[in-house]
N, C-alpha and C. Protein backbone atom coordinates (compact mmCIF):
# COMPACT_ATOMS: atom_id res chain seq x y z
N UNK A 1 -25.97 -52.85 -31.94
CA UNK A 1 -25.22 -52.20 -30.86
C UNK A 1 -23.77 -52.66 -30.91
N UNK A 2 -22.91 -51.75 -30.59
CA UNK A 2 -21.48 -52.05 -30.55
C UNK A 2 -21.10 -52.31 -29.10
N UNK A 3 -20.41 -53.42 -28.87
CA UNK A 3 -19.97 -53.76 -27.52
C UNK A 3 -18.48 -53.55 -27.44
N UNK A 4 -18.07 -52.75 -26.49
CA UNK A 4 -16.65 -52.48 -26.30
C UNK A 4 -16.00 -53.65 -25.59
N UNK A 5 -14.83 -54.04 -26.06
CA UNK A 5 -14.10 -55.11 -25.41
C UNK A 5 -13.11 -54.56 -24.39
N UNK A 6 -12.97 -53.24 -24.35
CA UNK A 6 -12.06 -52.64 -23.38
C UNK A 6 -12.81 -52.33 -22.09
N UNK A 7 -12.22 -52.72 -21.01
CA UNK A 7 -12.81 -52.45 -19.71
C UNK A 7 -12.60 -50.98 -19.34
N UNK A 8 -13.62 -50.37 -18.76
CA UNK A 8 -13.49 -48.97 -18.38
C UNK A 8 -13.30 -48.81 -16.88
N UNK A 9 -13.53 -49.87 -16.13
CA UNK A 9 -13.38 -49.79 -14.69
C UNK A 9 -12.67 -51.01 -14.15
N UNK A 10 -12.21 -50.88 -12.93
CA UNK A 10 -11.52 -52.00 -12.29
C UNK A 10 -11.82 -52.00 -10.80
N UNK A 11 -11.90 -53.18 -10.25
CA UNK A 11 -12.08 -53.35 -8.81
C UNK A 11 -10.75 -53.86 -8.26
N UNK A 12 -10.23 -53.11 -7.29
CA UNK A 12 -8.95 -53.48 -6.69
C UNK A 12 -9.17 -53.78 -5.22
N UNK A 13 -8.67 -54.93 -4.80
CA UNK A 13 -8.77 -55.34 -3.40
C UNK A 13 -7.37 -55.32 -2.80
N UNK A 14 -7.25 -54.68 -1.64
CA UNK A 14 -5.97 -54.58 -0.95
C UNK A 14 -6.07 -55.41 0.33
N UNK A 15 -5.22 -56.43 0.43
CA UNK A 15 -5.23 -57.31 1.60
C UNK A 15 -4.25 -56.76 2.64
N UNK A 16 -4.79 -56.48 3.83
CA UNK A 16 -3.98 -55.99 4.94
C UNK A 16 -3.35 -57.18 5.67
N UNK A 17 -2.28 -56.95 6.42
CA UNK A 17 -1.60 -58.05 7.12
C UNK A 17 -2.51 -58.85 8.06
N UNK A 18 -3.56 -58.20 8.60
CA UNK A 18 -4.46 -58.91 9.51
C UNK A 18 -5.57 -59.67 8.77
N UNK A 19 -5.49 -59.72 7.43
CA UNK A 19 -6.45 -60.49 6.63
C UNK A 19 -7.66 -59.70 6.16
N UNK A 20 -7.80 -58.47 6.61
CA UNK A 20 -8.92 -57.63 6.17
C UNK A 20 -8.64 -57.12 4.76
N UNK A 21 -9.69 -57.07 3.95
CA UNK A 21 -9.57 -56.54 2.59
C UNK A 21 -10.23 -55.18 2.50
N UNK A 22 -9.55 -54.27 1.85
CA UNK A 22 -10.09 -52.96 1.51
C UNK A 22 -10.34 -53.00 0.00
N UNK A 23 -11.53 -52.62 -0.43
CA UNK A 23 -11.87 -52.70 -1.85
C UNK A 23 -12.24 -51.33 -2.39
N UNK A 24 -11.75 -51.03 -3.58
CA UNK A 24 -12.06 -49.77 -4.22
C UNK A 24 -12.32 -49.98 -5.70
N UNK A 25 -13.12 -49.11 -6.28
CA UNK A 25 -13.41 -49.14 -7.71
C UNK A 25 -12.74 -47.94 -8.36
N UNK A 26 -12.02 -48.20 -9.43
CA UNK A 26 -11.24 -47.18 -10.11
C UNK A 26 -11.51 -47.24 -11.60
N UNK A 27 -11.16 -46.19 -12.29
CA UNK A 27 -11.18 -46.18 -13.75
C UNK A 27 -9.92 -46.90 -14.24
N UNK A 28 -10.01 -47.53 -15.38
CA UNK A 28 -8.83 -48.18 -15.97
C UNK A 28 -7.76 -47.15 -16.29
N UNK A 29 -8.16 -45.89 -16.37
CA UNK A 29 -7.23 -44.81 -16.70
C UNK A 29 -6.69 -44.09 -15.45
N UNK A 30 -7.12 -44.55 -14.25
CA UNK A 30 -6.54 -44.03 -13.03
C UNK A 30 -5.10 -44.52 -12.92
N UNK A 31 -4.36 -43.91 -12.02
CA UNK A 31 -2.95 -44.26 -11.88
C UNK A 31 -2.70 -45.12 -10.63
N UNK A 32 -1.54 -45.73 -10.62
CA UNK A 32 -1.11 -46.49 -9.44
C UNK A 32 -1.08 -45.56 -8.23
N UNK A 33 -0.66 -44.33 -8.44
CA UNK A 33 -0.63 -43.34 -7.36
C UNK A 33 -2.01 -43.17 -6.72
N UNK A 34 -3.08 -43.23 -7.52
CA UNK A 34 -4.43 -43.07 -6.97
C UNK A 34 -4.79 -44.22 -6.03
N UNK A 35 -4.26 -45.42 -6.26
CA UNK A 35 -4.51 -46.55 -5.36
C UNK A 35 -3.77 -46.30 -4.03
N UNK A 36 -2.53 -45.83 -4.10
CA UNK A 36 -1.79 -45.51 -2.88
C UNK A 36 -2.54 -44.45 -2.06
N UNK A 37 -3.05 -43.42 -2.71
CA UNK A 37 -3.79 -42.37 -2.00
C UNK A 37 -5.07 -42.92 -1.37
N UNK A 38 -5.75 -43.83 -2.09
CA UNK A 38 -6.96 -44.47 -1.57
C UNK A 38 -6.62 -45.24 -0.29
N UNK A 39 -5.56 -46.01 -0.32
CA UNK A 39 -5.15 -46.78 0.86
C UNK A 39 -4.79 -45.83 2.01
N UNK A 40 -4.03 -44.79 1.71
CA UNK A 40 -3.65 -43.83 2.75
C UNK A 40 -4.88 -43.21 3.42
N UNK A 41 -5.92 -42.96 2.64
CA UNK A 41 -7.13 -42.34 3.20
C UNK A 41 -7.87 -43.28 4.16
N UNK A 42 -7.57 -44.56 4.10
CA UNK A 42 -8.25 -45.54 4.95
C UNK A 42 -7.42 -45.95 6.17
N UNK A 43 -6.20 -45.46 6.26
CA UNK A 43 -5.32 -45.86 7.36
C UNK A 43 -5.65 -45.12 8.65
N UNK A 44 -5.43 -45.80 9.74
CA UNK A 44 -5.61 -45.21 11.07
C UNK A 44 -4.59 -44.10 11.30
N UNK A 45 -3.34 -44.36 10.95
CA UNK A 45 -2.25 -43.40 11.09
C UNK A 45 -1.40 -43.45 9.83
N UNK A 46 -0.83 -42.33 9.43
CA UNK A 46 0.07 -42.38 8.27
C UNK A 46 1.26 -43.29 8.56
N UNK A 47 1.60 -44.14 7.63
CA UNK A 47 2.78 -44.97 7.78
C UNK A 47 3.27 -45.38 6.40
N UNK A 48 4.57 -45.59 6.27
CA UNK A 48 5.10 -46.03 4.98
C UNK A 48 4.69 -47.48 4.72
N UNK A 49 4.33 -47.77 3.47
CA UNK A 49 3.92 -49.12 3.11
C UNK A 49 4.22 -49.36 1.63
N UNK A 50 4.21 -50.62 1.27
CA UNK A 50 4.33 -51.04 -0.12
C UNK A 50 3.07 -51.78 -0.51
N UNK A 51 2.74 -51.76 -1.79
CA UNK A 51 1.66 -52.58 -2.33
C UNK A 51 2.32 -53.61 -3.24
N UNK A 52 2.07 -54.87 -2.92
CA UNK A 52 2.73 -55.98 -3.60
C UNK A 52 1.73 -56.76 -4.44
N UNK A 53 2.09 -57.01 -5.69
CA UNK A 53 1.30 -57.90 -6.54
C UNK A 53 1.69 -59.32 -6.12
N UNK A 54 0.72 -60.15 -5.67
CA UNK A 54 1.08 -61.50 -5.21
C UNK A 54 1.93 -62.25 -6.25
N UNK A 55 3.01 -62.85 -5.76
CA UNK A 55 3.90 -63.59 -6.62
C UNK A 55 4.78 -62.71 -7.49
N UNK A 56 4.81 -61.42 -7.18
CA UNK A 56 5.55 -60.48 -8.00
C UNK A 56 6.29 -59.50 -7.10
N UNK A 57 6.48 -58.31 -7.61
CA UNK A 57 7.23 -57.30 -6.88
C UNK A 57 6.31 -56.17 -6.43
N UNK A 58 6.90 -55.25 -5.69
CA UNK A 58 6.15 -54.08 -5.22
C UNK A 58 5.83 -53.16 -6.40
N UNK A 59 4.63 -52.59 -6.36
CA UNK A 59 4.26 -51.59 -7.37
C UNK A 59 5.07 -50.33 -7.14
N UNK A 60 5.50 -49.72 -8.21
CA UNK A 60 6.16 -48.42 -8.09
C UNK A 60 5.09 -47.36 -7.92
N UNK A 61 5.29 -46.49 -6.97
CA UNK A 61 4.31 -45.41 -6.71
C UNK A 61 4.57 -44.32 -7.74
N UNK A 62 3.81 -44.38 -8.82
CA UNK A 62 4.03 -43.43 -9.91
C UNK A 62 2.75 -43.19 -10.69
N UNK A 63 2.89 -42.57 -11.82
CA UNK A 63 1.74 -42.23 -12.65
C UNK A 63 1.36 -43.28 -13.68
N UNK A 64 1.86 -44.51 -13.49
CA UNK A 64 1.48 -45.59 -14.42
C UNK A 64 -0.01 -45.83 -14.37
N UNK A 65 -0.62 -46.08 -15.52
CA UNK A 65 -2.04 -46.38 -15.56
C UNK A 65 -2.30 -47.78 -15.02
N UNK A 66 -3.45 -47.93 -14.35
CA UNK A 66 -3.79 -49.23 -13.79
C UNK A 66 -3.86 -50.31 -14.87
N UNK A 67 -4.36 -49.94 -16.04
CA UNK A 67 -4.45 -50.93 -17.11
C UNK A 67 -3.06 -51.38 -17.56
N UNK A 68 -2.08 -50.50 -17.51
CA UNK A 68 -0.72 -50.86 -17.88
C UNK A 68 -0.01 -51.65 -16.78
N UNK A 69 -0.51 -51.53 -15.56
CA UNK A 69 0.07 -52.26 -14.42
C UNK A 69 -0.55 -53.64 -14.27
N UNK A 70 -1.47 -54.02 -15.18
CA UNK A 70 -2.10 -55.34 -15.12
C UNK A 70 -3.19 -55.44 -14.07
N UNK A 71 -3.78 -54.31 -13.67
CA UNK A 71 -4.79 -54.30 -12.62
C UNK A 71 -6.20 -54.07 -13.15
N UNK A 72 -6.41 -54.35 -14.42
CA UNK A 72 -7.73 -54.22 -15.04
C UNK A 72 -8.08 -55.57 -15.67
N UNK A 73 -9.27 -56.10 -15.48
CA UNK A 73 -10.47 -55.53 -14.85
C UNK A 73 -10.51 -55.69 -13.34
N UNK A 74 -9.62 -56.51 -12.76
CA UNK A 74 -9.56 -56.63 -11.31
C UNK A 74 -8.11 -56.78 -10.88
N UNK A 75 -7.87 -56.53 -9.62
CA UNK A 75 -6.54 -56.72 -9.08
C UNK A 75 -6.59 -56.95 -7.59
N UNK A 76 -5.64 -57.74 -7.11
CA UNK A 76 -5.47 -57.97 -5.69
C UNK A 76 -4.04 -57.59 -5.34
N UNK A 77 -3.91 -56.79 -4.29
CA UNK A 77 -2.59 -56.34 -3.85
C UNK A 77 -2.45 -56.64 -2.36
N UNK A 78 -1.26 -56.95 -1.93
CA UNK A 78 -0.97 -57.13 -0.51
C UNK A 78 -0.31 -55.87 0.02
N UNK A 79 -0.84 -55.36 1.14
CA UNK A 79 -0.22 -54.21 1.78
C UNK A 79 0.88 -54.73 2.70
N UNK A 80 2.06 -54.17 2.55
CA UNK A 80 3.19 -54.54 3.39
C UNK A 80 3.70 -53.28 4.08
N UNK A 81 3.41 -53.15 5.40
CA UNK A 81 3.87 -51.96 6.11
C UNK A 81 5.39 -52.01 6.30
N UNK A 82 6.01 -50.84 6.35
CA UNK A 82 7.45 -50.77 6.55
C UNK A 82 7.84 -51.25 7.94
N UNK A 83 6.92 -51.18 8.88
CA UNK A 83 7.16 -51.67 10.24
C UNK A 83 6.00 -52.55 10.65
N UNK A 84 6.25 -53.53 11.50
CA UNK A 84 5.16 -54.43 11.89
C UNK A 84 4.17 -53.69 12.80
N UNK A 85 2.93 -54.13 12.72
CA UNK A 85 1.87 -53.51 13.52
C UNK A 85 1.08 -54.61 14.23
N UNK A 86 0.81 -54.41 15.51
CA UNK A 86 0.08 -55.39 16.30
C UNK A 86 -1.43 -55.12 16.30
N UNK A 87 -1.86 -54.11 15.56
CA UNK A 87 -3.26 -53.69 15.56
C UNK A 87 -3.70 -53.49 14.12
N UNK A 88 -4.99 -53.31 13.94
CA UNK A 88 -5.48 -53.06 12.59
C UNK A 88 -4.94 -51.71 12.11
N UNK A 89 -4.61 -51.67 10.85
CA UNK A 89 -4.09 -50.44 10.26
C UNK A 89 -5.21 -49.54 9.75
N UNK A 90 -6.43 -50.10 9.65
CA UNK A 90 -7.55 -49.33 9.14
C UNK A 90 -8.03 -48.31 10.16
N UNK A 91 -8.55 -47.20 9.65
CA UNK A 91 -9.09 -46.16 10.52
C UNK A 91 -10.33 -46.68 11.25
N UNK A 92 -10.68 -46.02 12.35
CA UNK A 92 -11.87 -46.40 13.11
C UNK A 92 -13.11 -46.35 12.22
N UNK A 93 -13.20 -45.35 11.36
CA UNK A 93 -14.35 -45.20 10.46
C UNK A 93 -14.48 -46.43 9.55
N UNK A 94 -13.36 -46.90 9.00
CA UNK A 94 -13.40 -48.06 8.11
C UNK A 94 -13.74 -49.33 8.89
N UNK A 95 -13.23 -49.48 10.11
CA UNK A 95 -13.54 -50.64 10.93
C UNK A 95 -15.03 -50.64 11.26
N UNK A 96 -15.58 -49.46 11.53
CA UNK A 96 -17.02 -49.34 11.84
C UNK A 96 -17.85 -49.81 10.63
N UNK A 97 -17.45 -49.42 9.44
CA UNK A 97 -18.16 -49.83 8.23
C UNK A 97 -18.11 -51.34 8.07
N UNK A 98 -16.99 -51.96 8.41
CA UNK A 98 -16.87 -53.41 8.32
C UNK A 98 -17.82 -54.10 9.28
N UNK A 99 -17.93 -53.56 10.51
CA UNK A 99 -18.79 -54.19 11.51
C UNK A 99 -20.27 -54.04 11.16
N UNK A 100 -20.62 -53.06 10.31
CA UNK A 100 -22.01 -52.87 9.91
C UNK A 100 -22.44 -53.83 8.82
N UNK A 101 -21.48 -54.46 8.19
CA UNK A 101 -21.79 -55.38 7.08
C UNK A 101 -22.29 -56.70 7.58
C-alpha cells in the first residue's frame, strides 16, 4: 500500500475574544476565504473582523489555499472584531450546540 504524506484535510480552531473556540474541518485545498465565510455563518450579527495567526499578522481575506497559508494539518486563529463586544459573538444556534456538549 502507498501512504500519502500530503494531508488532505485540516482542522481549524477560531478563538473568540470571550475564550470560546469555533472548530471547522476543511480541505487542504480550501481557501482562506472559506474560513472567513465559515466564521460569518456562526456569528450572531454580521460584523467586520480579522483572523489573526497567533504571534503573526492578520490573514488576508483572499483565495489563498489553506495549505499555502500554513494552516494544514491544523491551525489556530484568533478572531479580532473591529469593535469591542460585551456579549458572545456566536449565534444562538451555536451557543445552544455548545451547551449540549
